[in-house]
Amino acid sequence: MALTGCSGNSSGNAADRTLHVTIITKDPSDPYWVAMINGAKKAAEQSNVDLAVASGKDQTDTDGQIQAIENATARGDDAIMIANNGPAVNDAIKKAQAAGVFVIALDTPTAPADLVSATYASDNRHAGQVVGQWTAGKLAGNKATIALIDLFADKVVSVDYERDQGFLAGMGIALNDPNRNGDEAKSGRYAAGDYRIACNEASDGAEDGGRTAMEKCLSLDSGINVVYTANEPSALGAVQALKAAGNTTAQVVTINGSCDGIKGVVSGQFGADAQQYPGKMGASGVDAVVKYKRNGVKPNPDPGKNFTDTGIALVTDKQVSGLQGITSQQGMQNCY
């Protein structure tokens, strides 16, 4: 667990005292989480909020997140904002709430979503859907031999299945359970032609995991021409494996929208990238804490959703007719 900043509740009414808030991310150094932290810090500086920063060592480290929750609770923090690593943190969240800590989710909805008071996140299903629609459009009726590089094999996290199942739905592939990876038909028809799913592998959201997953997929079918990846680190690993295998034609799509990821669109490594805005998530979370703790204003989700949507943009330099997107040059203006 990584932790920076200092906290500890001070006396006085919430309306006029410094608020103490901890933001807990999944990783201490990935640009995505750094951008989220920076967005939260900027908002905190403007609102008399003392922000402590903590994380697990990587996206598999639930113990580190639990320790960070327990530390914030013991300090008497006013609020916790967490990008949770899965349901293993739920009991710690409940204990924090029982101690009077206001808890909201960032990026990753909790399971169940109403465990926390609010969630600020991208619409991950929509992110998968737009890269799936782009892929189907670029294939133009040619057969799709698909590698699905997901996040986890050892736990169920909504971000994982929403992106995967959103991608398949965007391709026009019939789903079975939309909240479960891997139970769709392995072959059939997509929107404009035939498809076959060659593999469904987990990467733990890491570059080396993406490389290993892609190597396994290629050992099963060297003719893969579509690669869905749940995030950019795993996409970079997949690209390395494809290059080593001499596969230069596969379309790789991913989700995040970092500056490095958009450079991948520029270079042609990625055909399309769904850009998220983690800085907005962090800032929105701080704003919600301030409004609730100082003014008693409870945050409300977007109509018809159980979260507040912080936006998605499809970034590609190979536009598909009828699908709205932005160029890599535009994506670079909003990357992190």
C-alpha atoms as a PDB file:
ATOM      1  CA  MET A   1       0.000   0.000   0.000  1.00  0.00           C
ATOM      2  CA  ALA A   2       1.211   3.487  -0.894  1.00  0.00           C
ATOM      3  CA  LEU A   3       0.153   6.478   1.209  1.00  0.00           C
ATOM      4  CA  THR A   4       0.955  10.175   1.001  1.00  0.00           C
ATOM      5  CA  GLY A   5      -0.451  13.285   2.612  1.00  0.00           C
ATOM      6  CA  CYS A   6      -1.535  13.812   6.181  1.00  0.00           C
ATOM      7  CA  SER A   7      -4.941  13.754   7.730  1.00  0.00           C
ATOM      8  CA  GLY A   8      -6.680  13.550  11.067  1.00  0.00           C
ATOM      9  CA  ASN A   9      -9.968  15.186  11.896  1.00  0.00           C
ATOM     10  CA  SER A  10     -10.000  18.668  13.348  1.00  0.00           C
ATOM     11  CA  SER A  11     -12.611  20.289  15.553  1.00  0.00           C
ATOM     12  CA  GLY A  12     -15.319  22.641  14.351  1.00  0.00           C
ATOM     13  CA  ASN A  13     -18.331  22.429  12.087  1.00  0.00           C
ATOM     14  CA  ALA A  14     -17.907  20.916   8.645  1.00  0.00           C
ATOM     15  CA  ALA A  15     -19.024  24.225   7.162  1.00  0.00           C
ATOM     16  CA  ASP A  16     -15.885  26.051   8.269  1.00  0.00           C
ATOM     17  CA  ARG A  17     -13.187  23.495   9.012  1.00  0.00           C
ATOM     18  CA  THR A  18     -10.772  21.572   6.834  1.00  0.00           C
ATOM     19  CA  LEU A  19     -12.265  18.334   5.534  1.00  0.00           C
ATOM     20  CA  HIS A  20     -10.083  15.231   5.605  1.00  0.00           C
ATOM     21  CA  VAL A  21     -10.503  12.872   2.669  1.00  0.00           C
ATOM     22  CA  THR A  22      -8.595   9.814   1.457  1.00  0.00           C
ATOM     23  CA  ILE A  23      -8.541   8.791  -2.186  1.00  0.00           C
ATOM     24  CA  ILE A  24      -7.669   5.123  -2.754  1.00  0.00           C
ATOM     25  CA  THR A  25      -6.700   3.966  -6.243  1.00  0.00           C
ATOM     26  CA  LYS A  26      -5.742   0.582  -7.658  1.00  0.00           C
ATOM     27  CA  ASP A  27      -2.155   1.416  -8.538  1.00  0.00           C
ATOM     28  CA  PRO A  28       0.304   4.076  -7.317  1.00  0.00           C
ATOM     29  CA  SER A  29       1.946   4.979 -10.612  1.00  0.00           C
ATOM     30  CA  ASP A  30      -0.181   4.189 -13.682  1.00  0.00           C
ATOM     31  CA  PRO A  31      -0.958   7.455 -15.552  1.00  0.00           C
ATOM     32  CA  TYR A  32      -4.692   6.771 -15.304  1.00  0.00           C
ATOM     33  CA  TRP A  33      -4.683   6.737 -11.517  1.00  0.00           C
ATOM     34  CA  VAL A  34      -2.182   9.602 -11.321  1.00  0.00           C
ATOM     35  CA  ALA A  35      -4.574  11.688 -13.426  1.00  0.00           C
ATOM     36  CA  MET A  36      -7.443  10.808 -11.098  1.00  0.00           C
ATOM     37  CA  ILE A  37      -5.381  11.819  -8.071  1.00  0.00           C
ATOM     38  CA  ASN A  38      -4.289  15.081  -9.708  1.00  0.00           C
ATOM     39  CA  GLY A  39      -7.902  15.955 -10.521  1.00  0.00           C
ATOM     40  CA  ALA A  40      -8.849  15.310  -6.899  1.00  0.00           C
ATOM     41  CA  LYS A  41      -5.882  17.329  -5.599  1.00  0.00           C
ATOM     42  CA  LYS A  42      -6.784  20.347  -7.703  1.00  0.00           C
ATOM     43  CA  ALA A  43     -10.367  20.298  -6.457  1.00  0.00           C
ATOM     44  CA  ALA A  44      -9.189  19.739  -2.875  1.00  0.00           C
ATOM     45  CA  GLU A  45      -6.881  22.762  -2.985  1.00  0.00           C
ATOM     46  CA  GLN A  46      -9.804  24.939  -4.015  1.00  0.00           C
ATOM     47  CA  SER A  47     -12.124  23.674  -1.280  1.00  0.00           C
ATOM     48  CA  ASN A  48     -10.059  23.510   1.940  1.00  0.00           C
ATOM     49  CA  VAL A  49      -9.800  19.727   1.760  1.00  0.00           C
ATOM     50  CA  ASP A  50      -6.791  17.846   3.120  1.00  0.00           C
ATOM     51  CA  LEU A  51      -6.362  14.943   0.709  1.00  0.00           C
ATOM     52  CA  ALA A  52      -4.506  11.772   1.631  1.00  0.00           C
ATOM     53  CA  VAL A  53      -3.547   9.419  -1.193  1.00  0.00           C
ATOM     54  CA  ALA A  54      -3.346   5.640  -0.920  1.00  0.00           C
ATOM     55  CA  SER A  55      -3.419   2.627  -3.217  1.00  0.00           C
ATOM     56  CA  GLY A  56      -2.844  -1.046  -3.540  1.00  0.00           C
ATOM     57  CA  LYS A  57       0.448  -2.061  -5.105  1.00  0.00           C
ATOM     58  CA  ASP A  58      -1.416  -3.107  -8.280  1.00  0.00           C
ATOM     59  CA  GLN A  59      -4.902  -4.011  -9.492  1.00  0.00           C
ATOM     60  CA  THR A  60      -4.826  -7.360  -7.682  1.00  0.00           C
ATOM     61  CA  ASP A  61      -3.964  -5.927  -4.248  1.00  0.00           C
ATOM     62  CA  THR A  62      -7.212  -5.878  -2.292  1.00  0.00           C
ATOM     63  CA  ASP A  63      -5.344  -6.245   1.019  1.00  0.00           C
ATOM     64  CA  GLY A  64      -3.568  -2.951   0.401  1.00  0.00           C
ATOM     65  CA  GLN A  65      -6.876  -1.226  -0.258  1.00  0.00           C
ATOM     66  CA  ILE A  66      -8.454  -2.737   2.853  1.00  0.00           C
ATOM     67  CA  GLN A  67      -5.546  -1.452   4.944  1.00  0.00           C
ATOM     68  CA  ALA A  68      -5.959   2.012   3.420  1.00  0.00           C
ATOM     69  CA  ILE A  69      -9.681   2.015   4.288  1.00  0.00           C
ATOM     70  CA  GLU A  70      -8.913   0.927   7.832  1.00  0.00           C
ATOM     71  CA  ASN A  71      -6.262   3.628   8.197  1.00  0.00           C
ATOM     72  CA  ALA A  72      -8.641   6.345   7.000  1.00  0.00           C
ATOM     73  CA  THR A  73     -11.329   5.092   9.356  1.00  0.00           C
ATOM     74  CA  ALA A  74      -8.938   5.034  12.312  1.00  0.00           C
ATOM     75  CA  ARG A  75      -7.858   8.614  11.579  1.00  0.00           C
ATOM     76  CA  GLY A  76     -11.474   9.750  11.613  1.00  0.00           C
ATOM     77  CA  ASP A  77     -11.464  10.948   8.007  1.00  0.00           C
ATOM     78  CA  ASP A  78     -14.608  12.670   6.767  1.00  0.00           C
ATOM     79  CA  ALA A  79     -14.713  10.707   3.527  1.00  0.00           C
ATOM     80  CA  ILE A  80     -13.119   7.997   1.432  1.00  0.00           C
ATOM     81  CA  MET A  81     -13.117   7.947  -2.361  1.00  0.00           C
ATOM     82  CA  ILE A  82     -12.161   4.521  -3.703  1.00  0.00           C
ATOM     83  CA  ALA A  83     -11.554   2.866  -7.054  1.00  0.00           C
ATOM     84  CA  ASN A  84     -12.172  -0.553  -5.594  1.00  0.00           C
ATOM     85  CA  ASN A  85     -10.392  -3.769  -6.560  1.00  0.00           C
ATOM     86  CA  GLY A  86     -13.473  -5.912  -6.049  1.00  0.00           C
ATOM     87  CA  PRO A  87     -15.975  -7.132  -3.451  1.00  0.00           C
ATOM     88  CA  ALA A  88     -13.213  -8.149  -1.020  1.00  0.00           C
ATOM     89  CA  VAL A  89     -13.132  -4.522   0.176  1.00  0.00           C
ATOM     90  CA  ASN A  90     -16.861  -4.390   0.956  1.00  0.00           C
ATOM     91  CA  ASP A  91     -16.635  -5.294   4.647  1.00  0.00           C
ATOM     92  CA  ALA A  92     -13.993  -2.623   5.230  1.00  0.00           C
ATOM     93  CA  ILE A  93     -16.217  -0.064   3.490  1.00  0.00           C
ATOM     94  CA  LYS A  94     -19.164  -1.036   5.711  1.00  0.00           C
ATOM     95  CA  LYS A  95     -17.035  -0.627   8.835  1.00  0.00           C
ATOM     96  CA  ALA A  96     -15.925   2.810   7.657  1.00  0.00           C
ATOM     97  CA  GLN A  97     -19.524   3.842   7.071  1.00  0.00           C
ATOM     98  CA  ALA A  98     -20.525   2.544  10.496  1.00  0.00           C
ATOM     99  CA  ALA A  99     -17.844   4.841  11.926  1.00  0.00           C
ATOM    100  CA  GLY A 100     -19.398   7.816  10.128  1.00  0.00           C
ATOM    101  CA  VAL A 101     -17.143   7.988   7.070  1.00  0.00           C
ATOM    102  CA  PHE A 102     -18.828   9.131   3.844  1.00  0.00           C
ATOM    103  CA  VAL A 103     -17.772   6.717   1.077  1.00  0.00           C
ATOM    104  CA  ILE A 104     -18.042   7.158  -2.676  1.00  0.00           C
ATOM    105  CA  ALA A 105     -16.706   5.094  -5.569  1.00  0.00           C
ATOM    106  CA  LEU A 106     -14.561   6.332  -8.427  1.00  0.00           C
ATOM    107  CA  ASP A 107     -14.096   4.567 -11.798  1.00  0.00           C
ATOM    108  CA  THR A 108     -15.315   1.161 -10.601  1.00  0.00           C
ATOM    109  CA  PRO A 109     -18.818   0.757  -9.155  1.00  0.00           C
ATOM    110  CA  THR A 110     -18.996  -1.372  -6.057  1.00  0.00           C
ATOM    111  CA  ALA A 111     -20.968  -4.605  -6.074  1.00  0.00           C
ATOM    112  CA  PRO A 112     -23.667  -3.857  -5.104  1.00  0.00           C
ATOM    113  CA  ALA A 113     -23.599  -0.318  -6.470  1.00  0.00           C
ATOM    114  CA  ASP A 114     -25.675   1.060  -3.603  1.00  0.00           C
ATOM    115  CA  LEU A 115     -23.057   0.030  -1.066  1.00  0.00           C
ATOM    116  CA  VAL A 116     -21.626   3.556  -1.401  1.00  0.00           C
ATOM    117  CA  SER A 117     -23.314   6.949  -1.454  1.00  0.00           C
ATOM    118  CA  ALA A 118     -22.300   7.840  -5.014  1.00  0.00           C
ATOM    119  CA  THR A 119     -20.217   6.655  -7.953  1.00  0.00           C
ATOM    120  CA  TYR A 120     -18.352   8.776 -10.501  1.00  0.00           C
ATOM    121  CA  ALA A 121     -17.262   6.694 -13.469  1.00  0.00           C
ATOM    122  CA  SER A 122     -17.213   6.230 -17.191  1.00  0.00           C
ATOM    123  CA  ASP A 123     -19.974   4.173 -18.747  1.00  0.00           C
ATOM    124  CA  ASN A 124     -17.749   1.137 -19.196  1.00  0.00           C
ATOM    125  CA  ARG A 125     -20.323  -0.808 -21.174  1.00  0.00           C
ATOM    126  CA  HIS A 126     -20.601   2.094 -23.587  1.00  0.00           C
ATOM    127  CA  ALA A 127     -16.798   2.271 -23.839  1.00  0.00           C
ATOM    128  CA  GLY A 128     -16.705  -1.360 -24.901  1.00  0.00           C
ATOM    129  CA  GLN A 129     -19.629  -0.832 -27.229  1.00  0.00           C
ATOM    130  CA  VAL A 130     -18.057   1.994 -29.224  1.00  0.00           C
ATOM    131  CA  VAL A 131     -14.804   0.112 -29.843  1.00  0.00           C
ATOM    132  CA  GLY A 132     -16.890  -2.922 -30.793  1.00  0.00           C
ATOM    133  CA  GLN A 133     -18.944  -0.887 -33.260  1.00  0.00           C
ATOM    134  CA  TRP A 134     -15.754   0.537 -34.712  1.00  0.00           C
ATOM    135  CA  THR A 135     -14.300  -2.964 -35.115  1.00  0.00           C
ATOM    136  CA  ALA A 136     -17.394  -4.286 -36.852  1.00  0.00           C
ATOM    137  CA  GLY A 137     -17.355  -1.310 -39.202  1.00  0.00           C
ATOM    138  CA  LYS A 138     -13.687  -1.752 -40.098  1.00  0.00           C
ATOM    139  CA  LEU A 139     -14.141  -5.473 -40.786  1.00  0.00           C
ATOM    140  CA  ALA A 140     -16.772  -4.614 -43.390  1.00  0.00           C
ATOM    141  CA  GLY A 141     -18.178  -8.138 -43.472  1.00  0.00           C
ATOM    142  CA  ASN A 142     -14.892 -10.054 -43.327  1.00  0.00           C
ATOM    143  CA  LYS A 143     -14.680 -12.933 -40.864  1.00  0.00           C
ATOM    144  CA  ALA A 144     -13.621 -11.919 -37.361  1.00  0.00           C
ATOM    145  CA  THR A 145     -11.275 -14.194 -35.432  1.00  0.00           C
ATOM    146  CA  ILE A 146     -11.333 -12.610 -32.005  1.00  0.00           C
ATOM    147  CA  ALA A 147      -9.018 -12.574 -29.001  1.00  0.00           C
ATOM    148  CA  LEU A 148     -10.624 -11.224 -25.833  1.00  0.00           C
ATOM    149  CA  ILE A 149      -8.045  -9.970 -23.315  1.00  0.00           C
ATOM    150  CA  ASP A 150      -9.942  -9.244 -20.118  1.00  0.00           C
ATOM    151  CA  LEU A 151      -8.798  -8.080 -16.685  1.00  0.00           C
ATOM    152  CA  PHE A 152      -9.304 -10.870 -14.153  1.00  0.00           C
ATOM    153  CA  ALA A 153      -9.789 -14.613 -13.953  1.00  0.00           C
ATOM    154  CA  ASP A 154      -9.991 -14.875 -10.161  1.00  0.00           C
ATOM    155  CA  LYS A 155     -12.694 -12.306  -9.362  1.00  0.00           C
ATOM    156  CA  VAL A 156     -15.726 -10.626 -10.866  1.00  0.00           C
ATOM    157  CA  VAL A 157     -15.464  -6.839 -11.253  1.00  0.00           C
ATOM    158  CA  SER A 158     -18.100  -4.809 -13.090  1.00  0.00           C
ATOM    159  CA  VAL A 159     -15.555  -2.848 -15.148  1.00  0.00           C
ATOM    160  CA  ASP A 160     -14.289  -6.138 -16.563  1.00  0.00           C
ATOM    161  CA  TYR A 161     -17.544  -7.677 -17.733  1.00  0.00           C
ATOM    162  CA  GLU A 162     -19.114  -4.376 -18.763  1.00  0.00           C
ATOM    163  CA  ARG A 163     -16.260  -3.585 -21.149  1.00  0.00           C
ATOM    164  CA  ASP A 164     -16.030  -7.130 -22.534  1.00  0.00           C
ATOM    165  CA  GLN A 165     -19.763  -7.575 -22.989  1.00  0.00           C
ATOM    166  CA  GLY A 166     -20.122  -4.041 -24.313  1.00  0.00           C
ATOM    167  CA  PHE A 167     -17.506  -4.813 -26.965  1.00  0.00           C
ATOM    168  CA  LEU A 168     -19.318  -7.960 -28.078  1.00  0.00           C
ATOM    169  CA  ALA A 169     -22.660  -6.155 -28.163  1.00  0.00           C
ATOM    170  CA  GLY A 170     -21.065  -3.372 -30.208  1.00  0.00           C
ATOM    171  CA  MET A 171     -19.827  -6.012 -32.642  1.00  0.00           C
ATOM    172  CA  GLY A 172     -23.395  -7.212 -32.961  1.00  0.00           C
ATOM    173  CA  ILE A 173     -22.705 -10.544 -31.245  1.00  0.00           C
ATOM    174  CA  ALA A 174     -25.584 -12.005 -29.223  1.00  0.00           C
ATOM    175  CA  LEU A 175     -24.959 -12.088 -25.479  1.00  0.00           C
ATOM    176  CA  ASN A 176     -26.107 -14.633 -22.951  1.00  0.00           C
ATOM    177  CA  ASP A 177     -25.685 -13.094 -19.482  1.00  0.00           C
ATOM    178  CA  PRO A 178     -24.556  -9.469 -20.063  1.00  0.00           C
ATOM    179  CA  ASN A 179     -22.928  -9.421 -16.626  1.00  0.00           C
ATOM    180  CA  ARG A 180     -20.703 -12.444 -17.192  1.00  0.00           C
ATOM    181  CA  ASN A 181     -17.666 -12.943 -19.398  1.00  0.00           C
ATOM    182  CA  GLY A 182     -17.193 -16.005 -21.536  1.00  0.00           C
ATOM    183  CA  ASP A 183     -20.685 -17.501 -21.792  1.00  0.00           C
ATOM    184  CA  GLU A 184     -21.510 -16.197 -25.291  1.00  0.00           C
ATOM    185  CA  ALA A 185     -21.496 -18.486 -28.338  1.00  0.00           C
ATOM    186  CA  LYS A 186     -17.926 -19.034 -29.530  1.00  0.00           C
ATOM    187  CA  SER A 187     -18.924 -18.712 -33.158  1.00  0.00           C
ATOM    188  CA  GLY A 188     -21.774 -17.261 -35.157  1.00  0.00           C
ATOM    189  CA  ARG A 189     -22.670 -13.983 -36.799  1.00  0.00           C
ATOM    190  CA  TYR A 190     -21.623 -10.454 -35.882  1.00  0.00           C
ATOM    191  CA  ALA A 191     -23.267  -7.367 -37.369  1.00  0.00           C
ATOM    192  CA  ALA A 192     -21.872  -7.861 -40.875  1.00  0.00           C
ATOM    193  CA  GLY A 193     -20.304 -11.320 -41.090  1.00  0.00           C
ATOM    194  CA  ASP A 194     -19.114 -14.446 -39.324  1.00  0.00           C
ATOM    195  CA  TYR A 195     -17.075 -14.505 -36.127  1.00  0.00           C
ATOM    196  CA  ARG A 196     -15.173 -16.968 -33.986  1.00  0.00           C
ATOM    197  CA  ILE A 197     -13.814 -16.280 -30.517  1.00  0.00           C
ATOM    198  CA  ALA A 198     -10.365 -17.847 -30.457  1.00  0.00           C
ATOM    199  CA  CYS A 199      -9.647 -17.186 -26.802  1.00  0.00           C
ATOM    200  CA  ASN A 200     -10.726 -15.381 -23.665  1.00  0.00           C
ATOM    201  CA  GLU A 201      -7.759 -14.685 -21.383  1.00  0.00           C
ATOM    202  CA  ALA A 202      -7.080 -12.535 -18.320  1.00  0.00           C
ATOM    203  CA  SER A 203      -4.241 -10.018 -18.064  1.00  0.00           C
ATOM    204  CA  ASP A 204      -4.652  -8.566 -14.538  1.00  0.00           C
ATOM    205  CA  GLY A 205      -4.670  -5.239 -16.374  1.00  0.00           C
ATOM    206  CA  ALA A 206      -0.884  -5.366 -16.765  1.00  0.00           C
ATOM    207  CA  GLU A 207       1.472  -5.167 -19.731  1.00  0.00           C
ATOM    208  CA  ASP A 208       3.187  -8.477 -18.983  1.00  0.00           C
ATOM    209  CA  GLY A 209      -0.198 -10.084 -18.412  1.00  0.00           C
ATOM    210  CA  GLY A 210      -1.417  -8.819 -21.774  1.00  0.00           C
ATOM    211  CA  ARG A 211       1.672 -10.182 -23.492  1.00  0.00           C
ATOM    212  CA  THR A 212       1.303 -13.611 -21.887  1.00  0.00           C
ATOM    213  CA  ALA A 213      -2.420 -13.722 -22.653  1.00  0.00           C
ATOM    214  CA  MET A 214      -1.839 -12.802 -26.297  1.00  0.00           C
ATOM    215  CA  GLU A 215       0.930 -15.385 -26.660  1.00  0.00           C
ATOM    216  CA  LYS A 216      -1.470 -18.052 -25.416  1.00  0.00           C
ATOM    217  CA  CYS A 217      -4.160 -16.864 -27.817  1.00  0.00           C
ATOM    218  CA  LEU A 218      -1.767 -16.968 -30.767  1.00  0.00           C
ATOM    219  CA  SER A 219      -0.725 -20.488 -29.831  1.00  0.00           C
ATOM    220  CA  LEU A 220      -4.371 -21.456 -30.241  1.00  0.00           C
ATOM    221  CA  ASP A 221      -4.929 -19.541 -33.487  1.00  0.00           C
ATOM    222  CA  SER A 222      -2.246 -17.615 -35.369  1.00  0.00           C
ATOM    223  CA  GLY A 223      -4.872 -16.070 -37.640  1.00  0.00           C
ATOM    224  CA  ILE A 224      -6.418 -13.754 -35.036  1.00  0.00           C
ATOM    225  CA  ASN A 225      -7.416 -10.494 -36.719  1.00  0.00           C
ATOM    226  CA  VAL A 226      -9.322  -8.754 -33.894  1.00  0.00           C
ATOM    227  CA  VAL A 227      -7.911  -8.126 -30.420  1.00  0.00           C
ATOM    228  CA  TYR A 228     -10.075  -6.571 -27.725  1.00  0.00           C
ATOM    229  CA  THR A 229      -8.165  -5.465 -24.627  1.00  0.00           C
ATOM    230  CA  ALA A 230      -9.755  -4.169 -21.438  1.00  0.00           C
ATOM    231  CA  ASN A 231      -7.126  -1.475 -20.868  1.00  0.00           C
ATOM    232  CA  GLU A 232      -4.025   0.065 -22.421  1.00  0.00           C
ATOM    233  CA  PRO A 233      -1.318  -1.728 -20.409  1.00  0.00           C
ATOM    234  CA  SER A 234      -2.692  -5.097 -21.511  1.00  0.00           C
ATOM    235  CA  ALA A 235      -3.025  -3.748 -25.054  1.00  0.00           C
ATOM    236  CA  LEU A 236       0.662  -2.793 -25.128  1.00  0.00           C
ATOM    237  CA  GLY A 237       1.572  -6.317 -24.059  1.00  0.00           C
ATOM    238  CA  ALA A 238      -0.696  -7.791 -26.710  1.00  0.00           C
ATOM    239  CA  VAL A 239       0.935  -5.647 -29.393  1.00  0.00           C
ATOM    240  CA  GLN A 240       4.363  -6.948 -28.352  1.00  0.00           C
ATOM    241  CA  ALA A 241       3.201 -10.554 -28.688  1.00  0.00           C
ATOM    242  CA  LEU A 242       1.587  -9.885 -32.063  1.00  0.00           C
ATOM    243  CA  LYS A 243       4.769  -8.248 -33.350  1.00  0.00           C
ATOM    244  CA  ALA A 244       6.932 -11.137 -32.132  1.00  0.00           C
ATOM    245  CA  ALA A 245       4.626 -13.577 -33.919  1.00  0.00           C
ATOM    246  CA  GLY A 246       4.738 -11.606 -37.172  1.00  0.00           C
ATOM    247  CA  ASN A 247       1.052 -10.735 -37.030  1.00  0.00           C
ATOM    248  CA  THR A 248       0.856  -7.215 -38.443  1.00  0.00           C
ATOM    249  CA  THR A 249      -2.774  -7.166 -39.559  1.00  0.00           C
ATOM    250  CA  ALA A 250      -4.767  -7.677 -36.350  1.00  0.00           C
ATOM    251  CA  GLN A 251      -6.898  -4.720 -35.278  1.00  0.00           C
ATOM    252  CA  VAL A 252      -6.223  -3.949 -31.608  1.00  0.00           C
ATOM    253  CA  VAL A 253      -8.779  -1.893 -29.699  1.00  0.00           C
ATOM    254  CA  THR A 254      -8.582  -0.767 -26.103  1.00  0.00           C
ATOM    255  CA  ILE A 255      -9.980   1.503 -23.406  1.00  0.00           C
ATOM    256  CA  ASN A 256      -8.342   4.291 -21.340  1.00  0.00           C
ATOM    257  CA  GLY A 257      -7.247   7.241 -23.474  1.00  0.00           C
ATOM    258  CA  SER A 258      -3.915   8.118 -21.877  1.00  0.00           C
ATOM    259  CA  CYS A 259      -1.358  10.128 -23.824  1.00  0.00           C
ATOM    260  CA  ASP A 260       0.679   6.961 -24.390  1.00  0.00           C
ATOM    261  CA  GLY A 261      -2.467   5.188 -25.581  1.00  0.00           C
ATOM    262  CA  ILE A 262      -3.336   7.956 -28.023  1.00  0.00           C
ATOM    263  CA  LYS A 263       0.227   7.772 -29.342  1.00  0.00           C
ATOM    264  CA  GLY A 264      -0.582   4.124 -30.026  1.00  0.00           C
ATOM    265  CA  VAL A 265      -3.489   5.267 -32.172  1.00  0.00           C
ATOM    266  CA  VAL A 266      -1.174   7.678 -34.014  1.00  0.00           C
ATOM    267  CA  SER A 267       1.372   4.920 -34.691  1.00  0.00           C
ATOM    268  CA  GLY A 268      -1.272   2.435 -35.777  1.00  0.00           C
ATOM    269  CA  GLN A 269      -0.634   0.009 -32.898  1.00  0.00           C
ATOM    270  CA  PHE A 270      -4.220   0.600 -31.771  1.00  0.00           C
ATOM    271  CA  GLY A 271      -7.033   1.009 -34.239  1.00  0.00           C
ATOM    272  CA  ALA A 272      -9.260   2.730 -31.701  1.00  0.00           C
ATOM    273  CA  ASP A 273      -9.167   3.742 -28.035  1.00  0.00           C
ATOM    274  CA  ALA A 274     -12.149   4.719 -25.870  1.00  0.00           C
ATOM    275  CA  GLN A 275     -10.933   7.743 -23.917  1.00  0.00           C
ATOM    276  CA  GLN A 276     -11.925   8.141 -20.288  1.00  0.00           C
ATOM    277  CA  TYR A 277     -11.493  11.177 -18.054  1.00  0.00           C
ATOM    278  CA  PRO A 278     -10.156  10.080 -14.655  1.00  0.00           C
ATOM    279  CA  GLY A 279      -9.244  13.620 -13.609  1.00  0.00           C
ATOM    280  CA  LYS A 280     -12.920  14.519 -13.856  1.00  0.00           C
ATOM    281  CA  MET A 281     -13.793  11.511 -11.683  1.00  0.00           C
ATOM    282  CA  GLY A 282     -11.400  12.642  -8.959  1.00  0.00           C
ATOM    283  CA  ALA A 283     -12.549  16.256  -9.047  1.00  0.00           C
ATOM    284  CA  SER A 284     -16.226  15.292  -9.102  1.00  0.00           C
ATOM    285  CA  GLY A 285     -15.693  13.057  -6.104  1.00  0.00           C
ATOM    286  CA  VAL A 286     -14.145  15.855  -4.050  1.00  0.00           C
ATOM    287  CA  ASP A 287     -16.932  18.243  -5.067  1.00  0.00           C
ATOM    288  CA  ALA A 288     -19.541  15.685  -3.959  1.00  0.00           C
ATOM    289  CA  VAL A 289     -17.862  15.251  -0.580  1.00  0.00           C
ATOM    290  CA  VAL A 290     -17.700  19.011  -0.016  1.00  0.00           C
ATOM    291  CA  LYS A 291     -21.354  19.572  -0.941  1.00  0.00           C
ATOM    292  CA  TYR A 292     -22.516  16.770   1.317  1.00  0.00           C
ATOM    293  CA  LYS A 293     -20.302  17.436   4.336  1.00  0.00           C
ATOM    294  CA  ARG A 294     -20.685  21.234   4.257  1.00  0.00           C
ATOM    295  CA  ASN A 295     -24.197  21.714   2.891  1.00  0.00           C
ATOM    296  CA  GLY A 296     -25.953  18.377   3.392  1.00  0.00           C
ATOM    297  CA  VAL A 297     -26.540  17.999  -0.349  1.00  0.00           C
ATOM    298  CA  LYS A 298     -26.637  14.320  -1.254  1.00  0.00           C
ATOM    299  CA  PRO A 299     -25.218  13.343  -4.652  1.00  0.00           C
ATOM    300  CA  ASN A 300     -27.641  11.896  -7.191  1.00  0.00           C
ATOM    301  CA  PRO A 301     -26.778   9.606 -10.133  1.00  0.00           C
ATOM    302  CA  ASP A 302     -27.615  10.406 -13.728  1.00  0.00           C
ATOM    303  CA  PRO A 303     -31.213   9.611 -14.722  1.00  0.00           C
ATOM    304  CA  GLY A 304     -31.631   5.917 -15.460  1.00  0.00           C
ATOM    305  CA  LYS A 305     -28.184   5.034 -14.099  1.00  0.00           C
ATOM    306  CA  ASN A 306     -26.691   4.117 -10.733  1.00  0.00           C
ATOM    307  CA  PHE A 307     -23.669   6.362 -11.271  1.00  0.00           C
ATOM    308  CA  THR A 308     -22.686   9.789 -12.590  1.00  0.00           C
ATOM    309  CA  ASP A 309     -21.197   9.410 -16.060  1.00  0.00           C
ATOM    310  CA  THR A 310     -17.944  11.326 -16.557  1.00  0.00           C
ATOM    311  CA  GLY A 311     -17.836  10.683 -20.300  1.00  0.00           C
ATOM    312  CA  ILE A 312     -16.275   8.593 -23.075  1.00  0.00           C
ATOM    313  CA  ALA A 313     -14.917   9.557 -26.509  1.00  0.00           C
ATOM    314  CA  LEU A 314     -13.938   7.154 -29.297  1.00  0.00           C
ATOM    315  CA  VAL A 315     -10.455   8.114 -30.501  1.00  0.00           C
ATOM    316  CA  THR A 316      -9.428   6.860 -33.947  1.00  0.00           C
ATOM    317  CA  ASP A 317      -7.791   8.099 -37.124  1.00  0.00           C
ATOM    318  CA  LYS A 318      -9.733   5.537 -39.156  1.00  0.00           C
ATOM    319  CA  GLN A 319     -13.262   6.813 -38.917  1.00  0.00           C
ATOM    320  CA  VAL A 320     -16.242   4.517 -39.480  1.00  0.00           C
ATOM    321  CA  SER A 321     -19.308   5.920 -41.220  1.00  0.00           C
ATOM    322  CA  GLY A 322     -22.167   6.629 -38.838  1.00  0.00           C
ATOM    323  CA  LEU A 323     -20.021   6.320 -35.707  1.00  0.00           C
ATOM    324  CA  GLN A 324     -19.088   9.511 -33.870  1.00  0.00           C
ATOM    325  CA  GLY A 325     -15.473   9.810 -32.803  1.00  0.00           C
ATOM    326  CA  ILE A 326     -12.552  12.189 -32.435  1.00  0.00           C
ATOM    327  CA  THR A 327      -9.111  12.127 -34.037  1.00  0.00           C
ATOM    328  CA  SER A 328      -5.891  11.302 -32.229  1.00  0.00           C
ATOM    329  CA  GLN A 329      -4.961  14.997 -32.425  1.00  0.00           C
ATOM    330  CA  GLN A 330      -8.162  15.864 -30.566  1.00  0.00           C
ATOM    331  CA  GLY A 331      -7.588  13.000 -28.130  1.00  0.00           C
ATOM    332  CA  MET A 332      -4.118  14.324 -27.301  1.00  0.00           C
ATOM    333  CA  GLN A 333      -5.692  17.571 -26.118  1.00  0.00           C
ATOM    334  CA  ASN A 334      -7.559  15.718 -23.357  1.00  0.00           C
ATOM    335  CA  CYS A 335      -5.193  12.865 -22.529  1.00  0.00           C
ATOM    336  CA  TYR A 336      -3.238  12.348 -19.319  1.00  0.00           C
END
